[in-house]
Amino acid sequence: MKIAKFSGNQIMDTLKWAENGMAVPGLCRSWVLVQRHSLNGSKYGGMDASLMARMKKLEAENAGLKKMYAEERLKADILKEVLGKK
């Protein structure tokens, strides 16, 4: 079964409905969600569209930096191994 992916706007709208008093099980039924997926509120709660876009940009930048670090670490390990054998 394919997991549905929702846009940031859909998540923010759903969280606003929850903050305004709509019951979480009702929201889950309306979006065909399982209640455990409603925990996105801790991640996206209180955000507006500009903060959501900034967070996505920072997450992408962080992923790129992690990849660069892993590549450099691998190069350093290979260099240590080569220099250690001589």
N, C-alpha and C. Protein backbone atom coordinates (compact mmCIF):
# COMPACT_ATOMS: atom_id res chain seq x y z
N MET A 1 0.84 -1.18 0.00
CA MET A 1 0.00 0.00 0.00
C MET A 1 0.88 1.24 0.00
N LYS A 2 0.63 2.14 -0.90
CA LYS A 2 1.43 3.35 -1.03
C LYS A 2 1.05 4.35 0.06
N ILE A 3 2.05 4.95 0.66
CA ILE A 3 1.82 5.96 1.69
C ILE A 3 1.58 7.30 1.01
N ALA A 4 0.52 7.97 1.41
CA ALA A 4 0.19 9.27 0.81
C ALA A 4 1.15 10.33 1.31
N LYS A 5 1.55 11.21 0.42
CA LYS A 5 2.40 12.34 0.80
C LYS A 5 1.57 13.60 0.65
N PHE A 6 1.59 14.42 1.67
CA PHE A 6 0.81 15.63 1.67
C PHE A 6 1.72 16.83 1.56
N SER A 7 1.23 17.88 0.94
CA SER A 7 2.02 19.10 0.81
C SER A 7 2.06 19.82 2.14
N GLY A 8 2.98 20.76 2.26
CA GLY A 8 3.09 21.54 3.48
C GLY A 8 1.83 22.32 3.78
N ASN A 9 1.19 22.83 2.72
CA ASN A 9 -0.06 23.59 2.93
C ASN A 9 -1.16 22.70 3.47
N GLN A 10 -1.26 21.48 2.97
CA GLN A 10 -2.28 20.56 3.48
C GLN A 10 -2.03 20.23 4.95
N ILE A 11 -0.79 20.02 5.30
CA ILE A 11 -0.45 19.72 6.69
C ILE A 11 -0.78 20.90 7.58
N MET A 12 -0.41 22.12 7.13
CA MET A 12 -0.68 23.32 7.94
C MET A 12 -2.18 23.55 8.10
N ASP A 13 -2.95 23.35 7.04
CA ASP A 13 -4.41 23.50 7.14
C ASP A 13 -5.00 22.52 8.14
N THR A 14 -4.54 21.29 8.08
CA THR A 14 -5.04 20.27 9.00
C THR A 14 -4.69 20.63 10.44
N LEU A 15 -3.47 21.12 10.66
CA LEU A 15 -3.07 21.50 12.01
C LEU A 15 -3.87 22.69 12.52
N LYS A 16 -4.20 23.62 11.62
CA LYS A 16 -5.03 24.76 12.03
C LYS A 16 -6.41 24.30 12.45
N TRP A 17 -6.98 23.33 11.72
CA TRP A 17 -8.29 22.79 12.09
C TRP A 17 -8.21 22.13 13.47
N ALA A 18 -7.11 21.42 13.72
CA ALA A 18 -6.95 20.75 15.02
C ALA A 18 -6.81 21.78 16.13
N GLU A 19 -6.08 22.87 15.87
CA GLU A 19 -5.93 23.93 16.88
C GLU A 19 -7.26 24.62 17.16
N ASN A 20 -8.12 24.70 16.15
CA ASN A 20 -9.42 25.35 16.32
C ASN A 20 -10.46 24.45 16.95
N GLY A 21 -10.09 23.25 17.33
CA GLY A 21 -10.99 22.41 18.10
C GLY A 21 -11.56 21.19 17.39
N MET A 22 -11.24 20.99 16.13
CA MET A 22 -11.74 19.79 15.46
C MET A 22 -11.00 18.58 16.02
N ALA A 23 -11.72 17.52 16.29
CA ALA A 23 -11.13 16.33 16.89
C ALA A 23 -10.15 15.66 15.93
N VAL A 24 -9.05 15.18 16.48
CA VAL A 24 -8.01 14.55 15.67
C VAL A 24 -8.54 13.31 14.94
N PRO A 25 -9.33 12.44 15.59
CA PRO A 25 -9.86 11.29 14.82
C PRO A 25 -10.71 11.72 13.63
N GLY A 26 -11.46 12.81 13.78
CA GLY A 26 -12.25 13.32 12.65
C GLY A 26 -11.37 13.82 11.53
N LEU A 27 -10.30 14.51 11.89
CA LEU A 27 -9.34 14.98 10.88
C LEU A 27 -8.69 13.80 10.17
N CYS A 28 -8.33 12.79 10.94
CA CYS A 28 -7.70 11.61 10.35
C CYS A 28 -8.63 10.92 9.37
N ARG A 29 -9.91 10.84 9.72
CA ARG A 29 -10.87 10.22 8.80
C ARG A 29 -11.04 11.06 7.55
N SER A 30 -11.05 12.39 7.72
CA SER A 30 -11.26 13.25 6.55
C SER A 30 -10.06 13.20 5.61
N TRP A 31 -8.87 12.99 6.13
CA TRP A 31 -7.67 12.91 5.29
C TRP A 31 -7.24 11.46 5.06
N VAL A 32 -8.04 10.50 5.54
CA VAL A 32 -7.75 9.08 5.43
C VAL A 32 -6.36 8.80 6.00
N LEU A 33 -6.18 9.22 7.20
CA LEU A 33 -4.90 9.03 7.88
C LEU A 33 -5.06 8.07 9.04
N VAL A 34 -3.97 7.56 9.47
CA VAL A 34 -3.94 6.81 10.71
C VAL A 34 -3.57 7.81 11.80
N GLN A 35 -4.10 7.62 12.99
CA GLN A 35 -3.90 8.60 14.04
C GLN A 35 -2.43 8.81 14.37
N ARG A 36 -1.60 7.80 14.23
CA ARG A 36 -0.19 7.97 14.58
C ARG A 36 0.51 8.93 13.63
N HIS A 37 -0.02 9.13 12.43
CA HIS A 37 0.57 10.08 11.50
C HIS A 37 0.22 11.52 11.86
N SER A 38 -0.66 11.70 12.82
CA SER A 38 -1.04 13.05 13.20
C SER A 38 0.02 13.70 14.08
N LEU A 39 1.12 13.04 14.32
CA LEU A 39 2.19 13.59 15.15
C LEU A 39 3.00 14.65 14.43
N ASN A 40 2.71 14.92 13.16
CA ASN A 40 3.40 15.99 12.44
C ASN A 40 3.17 17.34 13.09
N GLY A 41 2.18 17.43 13.96
CA GLY A 41 1.90 18.68 14.64
C GLY A 41 3.08 19.18 15.44
N SER A 42 3.86 18.28 16.00
CA SER A 42 5.02 18.70 16.76
C SER A 42 6.10 19.27 15.84
N LYS A 43 6.11 18.84 14.60
CA LYS A 43 7.12 19.32 13.65
C LYS A 43 6.67 20.59 12.93
N TYR A 44 5.40 20.64 12.53
CA TYR A 44 4.91 21.74 11.71
C TYR A 44 4.02 22.72 12.45
N GLY A 45 3.72 22.47 13.71
CA GLY A 45 2.80 23.31 14.46
C GLY A 45 3.28 24.75 14.57
N GLY A 46 2.39 25.70 14.34
CA GLY A 46 2.72 27.11 14.47
C GLY A 46 3.49 27.71 13.30
N MET A 47 3.65 26.98 12.22
CA MET A 47 4.41 27.49 11.07
C MET A 47 3.47 28.12 10.05
N ASP A 48 4.02 29.10 9.34
CA ASP A 48 3.29 29.63 8.20
C ASP A 48 4.05 29.18 6.94
N ALA A 49 3.59 29.59 5.79
CA ALA A 49 4.16 29.10 4.53
C ALA A 49 5.62 29.49 4.36
N SER A 50 6.01 30.70 4.79
CA SER A 50 7.40 31.13 4.62
C SER A 50 8.33 30.32 5.51
N LEU A 51 7.90 30.02 6.73
CA LEU A 51 8.73 29.20 7.62
C LEU A 51 8.83 27.77 7.10
N MET A 52 7.74 27.28 6.53
CA MET A 52 7.75 25.93 5.96
C MET A 52 8.75 25.86 4.80
N ALA A 53 8.74 26.86 3.93
CA ALA A 53 9.67 26.89 2.80
C ALA A 53 11.11 27.00 3.29
N ARG A 54 11.34 27.81 4.31
CA ARG A 54 12.69 27.97 4.86
C ARG A 54 13.17 26.66 5.47
N MET A 55 12.28 25.97 6.18
CA MET A 55 12.65 24.70 6.79
C MET A 55 13.01 23.67 5.72
N LYS A 56 12.23 23.61 4.65
CA LYS A 56 12.51 22.66 3.57
C LYS A 56 13.86 22.98 2.92
N LYS A 57 14.15 24.28 2.74
CA LYS A 57 15.43 24.69 2.16
C LYS A 57 16.59 24.28 3.07
N LEU A 58 16.44 24.50 4.37
CA LEU A 58 17.49 24.14 5.31
C LEU A 58 17.68 22.62 5.39
N GLU A 59 16.59 21.87 5.30
CA GLU A 59 16.70 20.41 5.30
C GLU A 59 17.46 19.93 4.07
N ALA A 60 17.19 20.54 2.92
CA ALA A 60 17.90 20.16 1.69
C ALA A 60 19.38 20.51 1.80
N GLU A 61 19.68 21.69 2.35
CA GLU A 61 21.07 22.10 2.52
C GLU A 61 21.78 21.16 3.49
N ASN A 62 21.10 20.78 4.56
CA ASN A 62 21.67 19.87 5.55
C ASN A 62 21.98 18.51 4.92
N ALA A 63 21.08 18.02 4.08
CA ALA A 63 21.31 16.74 3.40
C ALA A 63 22.54 16.82 2.50
N GLY A 64 22.69 17.94 1.79
CA GLY A 64 23.86 18.12 0.94
C GLY A 64 25.15 18.17 1.74
N LEU A 65 25.13 18.85 2.87
CA LEU A 65 26.31 18.94 3.72
C LEU A 65 26.68 17.57 4.31
N LYS A 66 25.68 16.80 4.69
CA LYS A 66 25.94 15.46 5.21
C LYS A 66 26.59 14.58 4.14
N LYS A 67 26.11 14.72 2.90
CA LYS A 67 26.68 13.94 1.80
C LYS A 67 28.13 14.35 1.55
N MET A 68 28.39 15.67 1.55
CA MET A 68 29.76 16.15 1.36
C MET A 68 30.68 15.64 2.45
N TYR A 69 30.20 15.69 3.71
CA TYR A 69 31.01 15.22 4.83
C TYR A 69 31.34 13.74 4.68
N ALA A 70 30.35 12.95 4.30
CA ALA A 70 30.56 11.51 4.14
C ALA A 70 31.59 11.23 3.05
N GLU A 71 31.52 11.97 1.94
CA GLU A 71 32.48 11.78 0.85
C GLU A 71 33.89 12.15 1.30
N GLU A 72 34.04 13.27 2.00
CA GLU A 72 35.36 13.70 2.47
C GLU A 72 35.91 12.72 3.50
N ARG A 73 35.05 12.21 4.35
CA ARG A 73 35.48 11.24 5.36
C ARG A 73 35.97 9.97 4.68
N LEU A 74 35.28 9.55 3.64
CA LEU A 74 35.68 8.37 2.88
C LEU A 74 37.03 8.59 2.21
N LYS A 75 37.23 9.77 1.62
CA LYS A 75 38.52 10.09 1.01
C LYS A 75 39.64 10.07 2.04
N ALA A 76 39.39 10.61 3.22
CA ALA A 76 40.40 10.64 4.27
C ALA A 76 40.74 9.22 4.73
N ASP A 77 39.74 8.37 4.85
CA ASP A 77 39.99 6.98 5.26
C ASP A 77 40.81 6.24 4.21
N ILE A 78 40.50 6.46 2.95
CA ILE A 78 41.25 5.81 1.87
C ILE A 78 42.69 6.30 1.88
N LEU A 79 42.89 7.60 2.07
CA LEU A 79 44.23 8.17 2.10
C LEU A 79 45.03 7.60 3.28
N LYS A 80 44.41 7.48 4.43
CA LYS A 80 45.08 6.90 5.60
C LYS A 80 45.50 5.46 5.32
N GLU A 81 44.63 4.72 4.69
CA GLU A 81 44.92 3.32 4.39
C GLU A 81 46.08 3.20 3.42
N VAL A 82 46.11 4.04 2.39
CA VAL A 82 47.18 4.00 1.39
C VAL A 82 48.50 4.43 2.02
N LEU A 83 48.50 5.50 2.79
CA LEU A 83 49.73 5.98 3.41
C LEU A 83 50.21 5.04 4.51
N GLY A 84 49.32 4.34 5.13
CA GLY A 84 49.70 3.42 6.20
C GLY A 84 50.39 2.18 5.67
N LYS A 85 50.13 1.79 4.44
CA LYS A 85 50.73 0.59 3.86
C LYS A 85 52.16 0.83 3.40
N LYS A 86 52.54 2.07 3.14
CA LYS A 86 53.88 2.35 2.61
C LYS A 86 54.91 2.36 3.67
